[in-house]
Amino acid sequence: MKQAIKEEFVQSYNLSVTPEEIQDDVHLFGEKSPYGLDSMDVLLFVNLMKKKFDLQLEAINTTSFQTVNNIVEFIEKQKQEESSR
């Protein structure tokens, strides 16, 4: 899953890095991001992840999408909740 997230991230923002260069715990968005992406960019990525992983999202705290590790944790939690319904 991490690789798929990284590939989507690089492709979506046309970055000049490879997915393998993205560290799992580096901020993807905001002031701490080395990629120069802001809060508007995170909203786009949330929507992309929603479609890619078939997530049922309503209101979302965008801090759940700060790092690859955060995104994986969020998706796994969502999938668990969906399966327990």
PDB file of N, CA and C in Angstrom:
ATOM      1  N   MET A   1       0.825  -1.191   0.000  1.00  0.00           N
ATOM      2  CA  MET A   1       0.000   0.000   0.000  1.00  0.00           C
ATOM      3  C   MET A   1       0.875   1.263   0.000  1.00  0.00           C
ATOM      4  N   LYS A   2       1.967   1.231   0.751  1.00  0.00           N
ATOM      5  CA  LYS A   2       2.840   2.411   0.810  1.00  0.00           C
ATOM      6  C   LYS A   2       3.368   2.766  -0.573  1.00  0.00           C
ATOM      7  N   GLN A   3       3.761   1.765  -1.336  1.00  0.00           N
ATOM      8  CA  GLN A   3       4.290   2.019  -2.672  1.00  0.00           C
ATOM      9  C   GLN A   3       3.232   2.669  -3.566  1.00  0.00           C
ATOM     10  N   ALA A   4       2.005   2.174  -3.488  1.00  0.00           N
ATOM     11  CA  ALA A   4       0.913   2.731  -4.297  1.00  0.00           C
ATOM     12  C   ALA A   4       0.654   4.192  -3.923  1.00  0.00           C
ATOM     13  N   ILE A   5       0.706   4.496  -2.637  1.00  0.00           N
ATOM     14  CA  ILE A   5       0.503   5.870  -2.175  1.00  0.00           C
ATOM     15  C   ILE A   5       1.621   6.770  -2.700  1.00  0.00           C
ATOM     16  N   LYS A   6       2.835   6.303  -2.592  1.00  0.00           N
ATOM     17  CA  LYS A   6       3.981   7.092  -3.061  1.00  0.00           C
ATOM     18  C   LYS A   6       3.915   7.322  -4.566  1.00  0.00           C
ATOM     19  N   GLU A   7       3.562   6.293  -5.311  1.00  0.00           N
ATOM     20  CA  GLU A   7       3.459   6.436  -6.763  1.00  0.00           C
ATOM     21  C   GLU A   7       2.383   7.452  -7.138  1.00  0.00           C
ATOM     22  N   GLU A   8       1.249   7.374  -6.478  1.00  0.00           N
ATOM     23  CA  GLU A   8       0.160   8.320  -6.738  1.00  0.00           C
ATOM     24  C   GLU A   8       0.583   9.742  -6.376  1.00  0.00           C
ATOM     25  N   PHE A   9       1.294   9.878  -5.278  1.00  0.00           N
ATOM     26  CA  PHE A   9       1.768  11.184  -4.824  1.00  0.00           C
ATOM     27  C   PHE A   9       2.698  11.815  -5.860  1.00  0.00           C
ATOM     28  N   VAL A  10       3.684  11.060  -6.296  1.00  0.00           N
ATOM     29  CA  VAL A  10       4.651  11.572  -7.273  1.00  0.00           C
ATOM     30  C   VAL A  10       3.953  11.924  -8.586  1.00  0.00           C
ATOM     31  N   GLN A  11       3.084  11.031  -9.040  1.00  0.00           N
ATOM     32  CA  GLN A  11       2.386  11.252 -10.310  1.00  0.00           C
ATOM     33  C   GLN A  11       1.421  12.438 -10.224  1.00  0.00           C
ATOM     34  N   SER A  12       0.681  12.526  -9.144  1.00  0.00           N
ATOM     35  CA  SER A  12      -0.336  13.574  -9.003  1.00  0.00           C
ATOM     36  C   SER A  12       0.255  14.976  -9.018  1.00  0.00           C
ATOM     37  N   TYR A  13       1.424  15.122  -8.434  1.00  0.00           N
ATOM     38  CA  TYR A  13       2.037  16.439  -8.316  1.00  0.00           C
ATOM     39  C   TYR A  13       3.228  16.620  -9.260  1.00  0.00           C
ATOM     40  N   ASN A  14       3.428  15.629 -10.149  1.00  0.00           N
ATOM     41  CA  ASN A  14       4.491  15.713 -11.149  1.00  0.00           C
ATOM     42  C   ASN A  14       5.832  16.093 -10.508  1.00  0.00           C
ATOM     43  N   LEU A  15       6.186  15.370  -9.454  1.00  0.00           N
ATOM     44  CA  LEU A  15       7.402  15.674  -8.698  1.00  0.00           C
ATOM     45  C   LEU A  15       8.636  15.115  -9.390  1.00  0.00           C
ATOM     46  N   SER A  16       9.767  15.717  -9.117  1.00  0.00           N
ATOM     47  CA  SER A  16      11.028  15.280  -9.716  1.00  0.00           C
ATOM     48  C   SER A  16      11.780  14.329  -8.784  1.00  0.00           C
ATOM     49  N   VAL A  17      11.035  13.519  -8.045  1.00  0.00           N
ATOM     50  CA  VAL A  17      11.607  12.468  -7.206  1.00  0.00           C
ATOM     51  C   VAL A  17      10.941  11.153  -7.595  1.00  0.00           C
ATOM     52  N   THR A  18      11.561  10.054  -7.220  1.00  0.00           N
ATOM     53  CA  THR A  18      10.941   8.755  -7.466  1.00  0.00           C
ATOM     54  C   THR A  18      10.162   8.356  -6.220  1.00  0.00           C
ATOM     55  N   PRO A  19       9.189   7.474  -6.362  1.00  0.00           N
ATOM     56  CA  PRO A  19       8.458   7.008  -5.176  1.00  0.00           C
ATOM     57  C   PRO A  19       9.389   6.418  -4.111  1.00  0.00           C
ATOM     58  N   GLU A  20      10.446   5.775  -4.548  1.00  0.00           N
ATOM     59  CA  GLU A  20      11.392   5.166  -3.602  1.00  0.00           C
ATOM     60  C   GLU A  20      12.137   6.197  -2.762  1.00  0.00           C
ATOM     61  N   GLU A  21      12.238   7.415  -3.244  1.00  0.00           N
ATOM     62  CA  GLU A  21      12.934   8.474  -2.510  1.00  0.00           C
ATOM     63  C   GLU A  21      12.078   9.096  -1.409  1.00  0.00           C
ATOM     64  N   ILE A  22      10.797   8.838  -1.426  1.00  0.00           N
ATOM     65  CA  ILE A  22       9.906   9.419  -0.423  1.00  0.00           C
ATOM     66  C   ILE A  22       9.952   8.577   0.842  1.00  0.00           C
ATOM     67  N   GLN A  23      10.339   9.213   1.928  1.00  0.00           N
ATOM     68  CA  GLN A  23      10.413   8.514   3.204  1.00  0.00           C
ATOM     69  C   GLN A  23       9.032   8.444   3.834  1.00  0.00           C
ATOM     70  N   ASP A  24       8.769   7.338   4.520  1.00  0.00           N
ATOM     71  CA  ASP A  24       7.445   7.077   5.078  1.00  0.00           C
ATOM     72  C   ASP A  24       7.014   8.071   6.146  1.00  0.00           C
ATOM     73  N   ASP A  25       7.966   8.703   6.810  1.00  0.00           N
ATOM     74  CA  ASP A  25       7.620   9.589   7.921  1.00  0.00           C
ATOM     75  C   ASP A  25       7.895  11.072   7.645  1.00  0.00           C
ATOM     76  N   VAL A  26       8.117  11.428   6.391  1.00  0.00           N
ATOM     77  CA  VAL A  26       8.353  12.823   6.014  1.00  0.00           C
ATOM     78  C   VAL A  26       7.018  13.479   5.680  1.00  0.00           C
ATOM     79  N   HIS A  27       6.840  14.708   6.125  1.00  0.00           N
ATOM     80  CA  HIS A  27       5.609  15.442   5.838  1.00  0.00           C
ATOM     81  C   HIS A  27       5.476  15.665   4.333  1.00  0.00           C
ATOM     82  N   LEU A  28       4.323  15.315   3.802  1.00  0.00           N
ATOM     83  CA  LEU A  28       4.068  15.485   2.378  1.00  0.00           C
ATOM     84  C   LEU A  28       3.508  16.867   2.068  1.00  0.00           C
ATOM     85  N   PHE A  29       2.836  17.470   3.046  1.00  0.00           N
ATOM     86  CA  PHE A  29       2.163  18.754   2.850  1.00  0.00           C
ATOM     87  C   PHE A  29       2.484  19.698   4.003  1.00  0.00           C
ATOM     88  N   GLY A  30       2.345  20.986   3.749  1.00  0.00           N
ATOM     89  CA  GLY A  30       2.508  21.980   4.803  1.00  0.00           C
ATOM     90  C   GLY A  30       3.916  22.519   4.920  1.00  0.00           C
ATOM     91  N   GLU A  31       4.138  23.271   5.977  1.00  0.00           N
ATOM     92  CA  GLU A  31       5.415  23.962   6.189  1.00  0.00           C
ATOM     93  C   GLU A  31       6.605  23.011   6.300  1.00  0.00           C
ATOM     94  N   LYS A  32       6.367  21.820   6.832  1.00  0.00           N
ATOM     95  CA  LYS A  32       7.459  20.858   7.025  1.00  0.00           C
ATOM     96  C   LYS A  32       7.727  20.006   5.791  1.00  0.00           C
ATOM     97  N   SER A  33       6.950  20.203   4.751  1.00  0.00           N
ATOM     98  CA  SER A  33       7.080  19.409   3.535  1.00  0.00           C
ATOM     99  C   SER A  33       8.259  19.869   2.672  1.00  0.00           C
ATOM    100  N   PRO A  34       9.101  18.948   2.243  1.00  0.00           N
ATOM    101  CA  PRO A  34      10.173  19.316   1.321  1.00  0.00           C
ATOM    102  C   PRO A  34       9.675  19.460  -0.124  1.00  0.00           C
ATOM    103  N   TYR A  35       8.396  19.187  -0.346  1.00  0.00           N
ATOM    104  CA  TYR A  35       7.848  19.180  -1.704  1.00  0.00           C
ATOM    105  C   TYR A  35       7.110  20.462  -2.069  1.00  0.00           C
ATOM    106  N   GLY A  36       6.981  21.397  -1.140  1.00  0.00           N
ATOM    107  CA  GLY A  36       6.350  22.677  -1.419  1.00  0.00           C
ATOM    108  C   GLY A  36       4.845  22.603  -1.632  1.00  0.00           C
ATOM    109  N   LEU A  37       4.206  21.619  -1.026  1.00  0.00           N
ATOM    110  CA  LEU A  37       2.763  21.438  -1.179  1.00  0.00           C
ATOM    111  C   LEU A  37       2.036  21.960   0.056  1.00  0.00           C
ATOM    112  N   ASP A  38       0.859  22.558  -0.172  1.00  0.00           N
ATOM    113  CA  ASP A  38       0.147  23.194   0.934  1.00  0.00           C
ATOM    114  C   ASP A  38      -1.176  22.503   1.251  1.00  0.00           C
ATOM    115  N   SER A  39      -1.994  23.177   2.041  1.00  0.00           N
ATOM    116  CA  SER A  39      -3.256  22.597   2.508  1.00  0.00           C
ATOM    117  C   SER A  39      -4.245  22.351   1.375  1.00  0.00           C
ATOM    118  N   MET A  40      -4.185  23.124   0.324  1.00  0.00           N
ATOM    119  CA  MET A  40      -5.065  22.875  -0.827  1.00  0.00           C
ATOM    120  C   MET A  40      -4.635  21.599  -1.541  1.00  0.00           C
ATOM    121  N   ASP A  41      -3.343  21.359  -1.591  1.00  0.00           N
ATOM    122  CA  ASP A  41      -2.837  20.146  -2.227  1.00  0.00           C
ATOM    123  C   ASP A  41      -3.275  18.895  -1.474  1.00  0.00           C
ATOM    124  N   VAL A  42      -3.320  18.973  -0.155  1.00  0.00           N
ATOM    125  CA  VAL A  42      -3.718  17.805   0.629  1.00  0.00           C
ATOM    126  C   VAL A  42      -5.171  17.437   0.335  1.00  0.00           C
ATOM    127  N   LEU A  43      -6.015  18.418   0.093  1.00  0.00           N
ATOM    128  CA  LEU A  43      -7.412  18.122  -0.218  1.00  0.00           C
ATOM    129  C   LEU A  43      -7.541  17.348  -1.519  1.00  0.00           C
ATOM    130  N   LEU A  44      -6.755  17.724  -2.507  1.00  0.00           N
ATOM    131  CA  LEU A  44      -6.739  16.985  -3.767  1.00  0.00           C
ATOM    132  C   LEU A  44      -6.298  15.542  -3.526  1.00  0.00           C
ATOM    133  N   PHE A  45      -5.254  15.389  -2.720  1.00  0.00           N
ATOM    134  CA  PHE A  45      -4.723  14.046  -2.475  1.00  0.00           C
ATOM    135  C   PHE A  45      -5.709  13.199  -1.674  1.00  0.00           C
ATOM    136  N   VAL A  46      -6.417  13.787  -0.746  1.00  0.00           N
ATOM    137  CA  VAL A  46      -7.441  13.058   0.010  1.00  0.00           C
ATOM    138  C   VAL A  46      -8.474  12.497  -0.965  1.00  0.00           C
ATOM    139  N   ASN A  47      -8.899  13.311  -1.911  1.00  0.00           N
ATOM    140  CA  ASN A  47      -9.881  12.851  -2.896  1.00  0.00           C
ATOM    141  C   ASN A  47      -9.324  11.736  -3.778  1.00  0.00           C
ATOM    142  N   LEU A  48      -8.071  11.845  -4.151  1.00  0.00           N
ATOM    143  CA  LEU A  48      -7.448  10.789  -4.953  1.00  0.00           C
ATOM    144  C   LEU A  48      -7.380   9.473  -4.175  1.00  0.00           C
ATOM    145  N   MET A  49      -7.015   9.556  -2.907  1.00  0.00           N
ATOM    146  CA  MET A  49      -6.928   8.351  -2.076  1.00  0.00           C
ATOM    147  C   MET A  49      -8.314   7.752  -1.833  1.00  0.00           C
ATOM    148  N   LYS A  50      -9.293   8.625  -1.715  1.00  0.00           N
ATOM    149  CA  LYS A  50     -10.676   8.173  -1.528  1.00  0.00           C
ATOM    150  C   LYS A  50     -11.105   7.305  -2.702  1.00  0.00           C
ATOM    151  N   LYS A  51     -10.809   7.760  -3.910  1.00  0.00           N
ATOM    152  CA  LYS A  51     -11.162   6.997  -5.109  1.00  0.00           C
ATOM    153  C   LYS A  51     -10.316   5.739  -5.257  1.00  0.00           C
ATOM    154  N   LYS A  52      -9.022   5.869  -5.058  1.00  0.00           N
ATOM    155  CA  LYS A  52      -8.099   4.745  -5.264  1.00  0.00           C
ATOM    156  C   LYS A  52      -8.379   3.587  -4.308  1.00  0.00           C
ATOM    157  N   PHE A  53      -8.685   3.909  -3.055  1.00  0.00           N
ATOM    158  CA  PHE A  53      -8.877   2.870  -2.047  1.00  0.00           C
ATOM    159  C   PHE A  53     -10.343   2.686  -1.665  1.00  0.00           C
ATOM    160  N   ASP A  54     -11.243   3.291  -2.436  1.00  0.00           N
ATOM    161  CA  ASP A  54     -12.681   3.151  -2.233  1.00  0.00           C
ATOM    162  C   ASP A  54     -13.079   3.423  -0.783  1.00  0.00           C
ATOM    163  N   LEU A  55     -12.702   4.602  -0.316  1.00  0.00           N
ATOM    164  CA  LEU A  55     -12.978   4.996   1.066  1.00  0.00           C
ATOM    165  C   LEU A  55     -14.281   5.772   1.151  1.00  0.00           C
ATOM    166  N   GLN A  56     -14.990   5.579   2.237  1.00  0.00           N
ATOM    167  CA  GLN A  56     -16.210   6.333   2.506  1.00  0.00           C
ATOM    168  C   GLN A  56     -15.852   7.437   3.494  1.00  0.00           C
ATOM    169  N   LEU A  57     -15.538   8.602   2.968  1.00  0.00           N
ATOM    170  CA  LEU A  57     -15.097   9.705   3.821  1.00  0.00           C
ATOM    171  C   LEU A  57     -16.152  10.784   3.896  1.00  0.00           C
ATOM    172  N   GLU A  58     -16.324  11.296   5.083  1.00  0.00           N
ATOM    173  CA  GLU A  58     -17.180  12.465   5.275  1.00  0.00           C
ATOM    174  C   GLU A  58     -16.248  13.600   5.657  1.00  0.00           C
ATOM    175  N   ALA A  59     -16.343  14.092   6.846  1.00  0.00           N
ATOM    176  CA  ALA A  59     -15.400  15.107   7.315  1.00  0.00           C
ATOM    177  C   ALA A  59     -14.090  14.404   7.653  1.00  0.00           C
ATOM    178  N   ILE A  60     -12.994  15.045   7.334  1.00  0.00           N
ATOM    179  CA  ILE A  60     -11.694  14.430   7.580  1.00  0.00           C
ATOM    180  C   ILE A  60     -10.720  15.447   8.150  1.00  0.00           C
ATOM    181  N   ASN A  61      -9.920  14.993   9.064  1.00  0.00           N
ATOM    182  CA  ASN A  61      -8.851  15.808   9.612  1.00  0.00           C
ATOM    183  C   ASN A  61      -7.647  15.610   8.691  1.00  0.00           C
ATOM    184  N   THR A  62      -7.225  16.650   8.007  1.00  0.00           N
ATOM    185  CA  THR A  62      -6.152  16.501   7.025  1.00  0.00           C
ATOM    186  C   THR A  62      -4.810  16.125   7.634  1.00  0.00           C
ATOM    187  N   THR A  63      -4.667  16.229   8.936  1.00  0.00           N
ATOM    188  CA  THR A  63      -3.416  15.777   9.559  1.00  0.00           C
ATOM    189  C   THR A  63      -3.255  14.268   9.422  1.00  0.00           C
ATOM    190  N   SER A  64      -4.333  13.570   9.135  1.00  0.00           N
ATOM    191  CA  SER A  64      -4.256  12.126   8.891  1.00  0.00           C
ATOM    192  C   SER A  64      -3.538  11.826   7.581  1.00  0.00           C
ATOM    193  N   PHE A  65      -3.283  12.860   6.793  1.00  0.00           N
ATOM    194  CA  PHE A  65      -2.643  12.683   5.492  1.00  0.00           C
ATOM    195  C   PHE A  65      -1.300  13.416   5.413  1.00  0.00           C
ATOM    196  N   GLN A  66      -0.629  13.591   6.532  1.00  0.00           N
ATOM    197  CA  GLN A  66       0.636  14.317   6.532  1.00  0.00           C
ATOM    198  C   GLN A  66       1.811  13.484   6.048  1.00  0.00           C
ATOM    199  N   THR A  67       1.854  12.205   6.407  1.00  0.00           N
ATOM    200  CA  THR A  67       2.965  11.338   6.003  1.00  0.00           C
ATOM    201  C   THR A  67       2.394  10.064   5.383  1.00  0.00           C
ATOM    202  N   VAL A  68       3.242   9.319   4.713  1.00  0.00           N
ATOM    203  CA  VAL A  68       2.812   8.038   4.140  1.00  0.00           C
ATOM    204  C   VAL A  68       2.336   7.121   5.264  1.00  0.00           C
ATOM    205  N   ASN A  69       3.058   7.089   6.365  1.00  0.00           N
ATOM    206  CA  ASN A  69       2.642   6.250   7.499  1.00  0.00           C
ATOM    207  C   ASN A  69       1.261   6.654   8.021  1.00  0.00           C
ATOM    208  N   ASN A  70       1.004   7.958   8.123  1.00  0.00           N
ATOM    209  CA  ASN A  70      -0.321   8.435   8.563  1.00  0.00           C
ATOM    210  C   ASN A  70      -1.414   8.001   7.605  1.00  0.00           C
ATOM    211  N   ILE A  71      -1.144   8.084   6.311  1.00  0.00           N
ATOM    212  CA  ILE A  71      -2.141   7.718   5.304  1.00  0.00           C
ATOM    213  C   ILE A  71      -2.468   6.235   5.381  1.00  0.00           C
ATOM    214  N   VAL A  72      -1.442   5.401   5.499  1.00  0.00           N
ATOM    215  CA  VAL A  72      -1.658   3.947   5.606  1.00  0.00           C
ATOM    216  C   VAL A  72      -2.477   3.634   6.853  1.00  0.00           C
ATOM    217  N   GLU A  73      -2.109   4.234   7.965  1.00  0.00           N
ATOM    218  CA  GLU A  73      -2.835   4.016   9.218  1.00  0.00           C
ATOM    219  C   GLU A  73      -4.305   4.424   9.074  1.00  0.00           C
ATOM    220  N   PHE A  74      -4.529   5.565   8.443  1.00  0.00           N
ATOM    221  CA  PHE A  74      -5.888   6.061   8.250  1.00  0.00           C
ATOM    222  C   PHE A  74      -6.698   5.109   7.370  1.00  0.00           C
ATOM    223  N   ILE A  75      -6.129   4.689   6.257  1.00  0.00           N
ATOM    224  CA  ILE A  75      -6.832   3.792   5.331  1.00  0.00           C
ATOM    225  C   ILE A  75      -7.138   2.463   5.997  1.00  0.00           C
ATOM    226  N   GLU A  76      -6.165   1.908   6.706  1.00  0.00           N
ATOM    227  CA  GLU A  76      -6.394   0.629   7.392  1.00  0.00           C
ATOM    228  C   GLU A  76      -7.503   0.751   8.431  1.00  0.00           C
ATOM    229  N   LYS A  77      -7.526   1.852   9.157  1.00  0.00           N
ATOM    230  CA  LYS A  77      -8.577   2.076  10.153  1.00  0.00           C
ATOM    231  C   LYS A  77      -9.941   2.182   9.476  1.00  0.00           C
ATOM    232  N   GLN A  78     -10.009   2.918   8.372  1.00  0.00           N
ATOM    233  CA  GLN A  78     -11.265   3.058   7.633  1.00  0.00           C
ATOM    234  C   GLN A  78     -11.767   1.708   7.126  1.00  0.00           C
ATOM    235  N   LYS A  79     -10.853   0.915   6.599  1.00  0.00           N
ATOM    236  CA  LYS A  79     -11.229  -0.403   6.077  1.00  0.00           C
ATOM    237  C   LYS A  79     -11.729  -1.317   7.201  1.00  0.00           C
ATOM    238  N   GLN A  80     -11.107  -1.231   8.368  1.00  0.00           N
ATOM    239  CA  GLN A  80     -11.544  -2.008   9.522  1.00  0.00           C
ATOM    240  C   GLN A  80     -12.958  -1.605   9.946  1.00  0.00           C
ATOM    241  N   GLU A  81     -13.187  -0.314  10.009  1.00  0.00           N
ATOM    242  CA  GLU A  81     -14.506   0.187  10.399  1.00  0.00           C
ATOM    243  C   GLU A  81     -15.575  -0.237   9.405  1.00  0.00           C
ATOM    244  N   GLU A  82     -15.244  -0.180   8.128  1.00  0.00           N
ATOM    245  CA  GLU A  82     -16.198  -0.587   7.087  1.00  0.00           C
ATOM    246  C   GLU A  82     -16.541  -2.080   7.193  1.00  0.00           C
ATOM    247  N   SER A  83     -15.527  -2.879   7.451  1.00  0.00           N
ATOM    248  CA  SER A  83     -15.761  -4.324   7.517  1.00  0.00           C
ATOM    249  C   SER A  83     -16.513  -4.745   8.774  1.00  0.00           C
ATOM    250  N   SER A  84     -16.469  -3.919   9.811  1.00  0.00           N
ATOM    251  CA  SER A  84     -17.165  -4.265  11.046  1.00  0.00           C
ATOM    252  C   SER A  84     -18.620  -3.797  11.035  1.00  0.00           C
ATOM    253  N   ARG A  85     -19.019  -3.104   9.998  1.00  0.00           N
ATOM    254  CA  ARG A  85     -20.415  -2.629   9.895  1.00  0.00           C
ATOM    255  C   ARG A  85     -21.307  -3.704   9.357  1.00  0.00           C
TER     256      ARG A  85
END
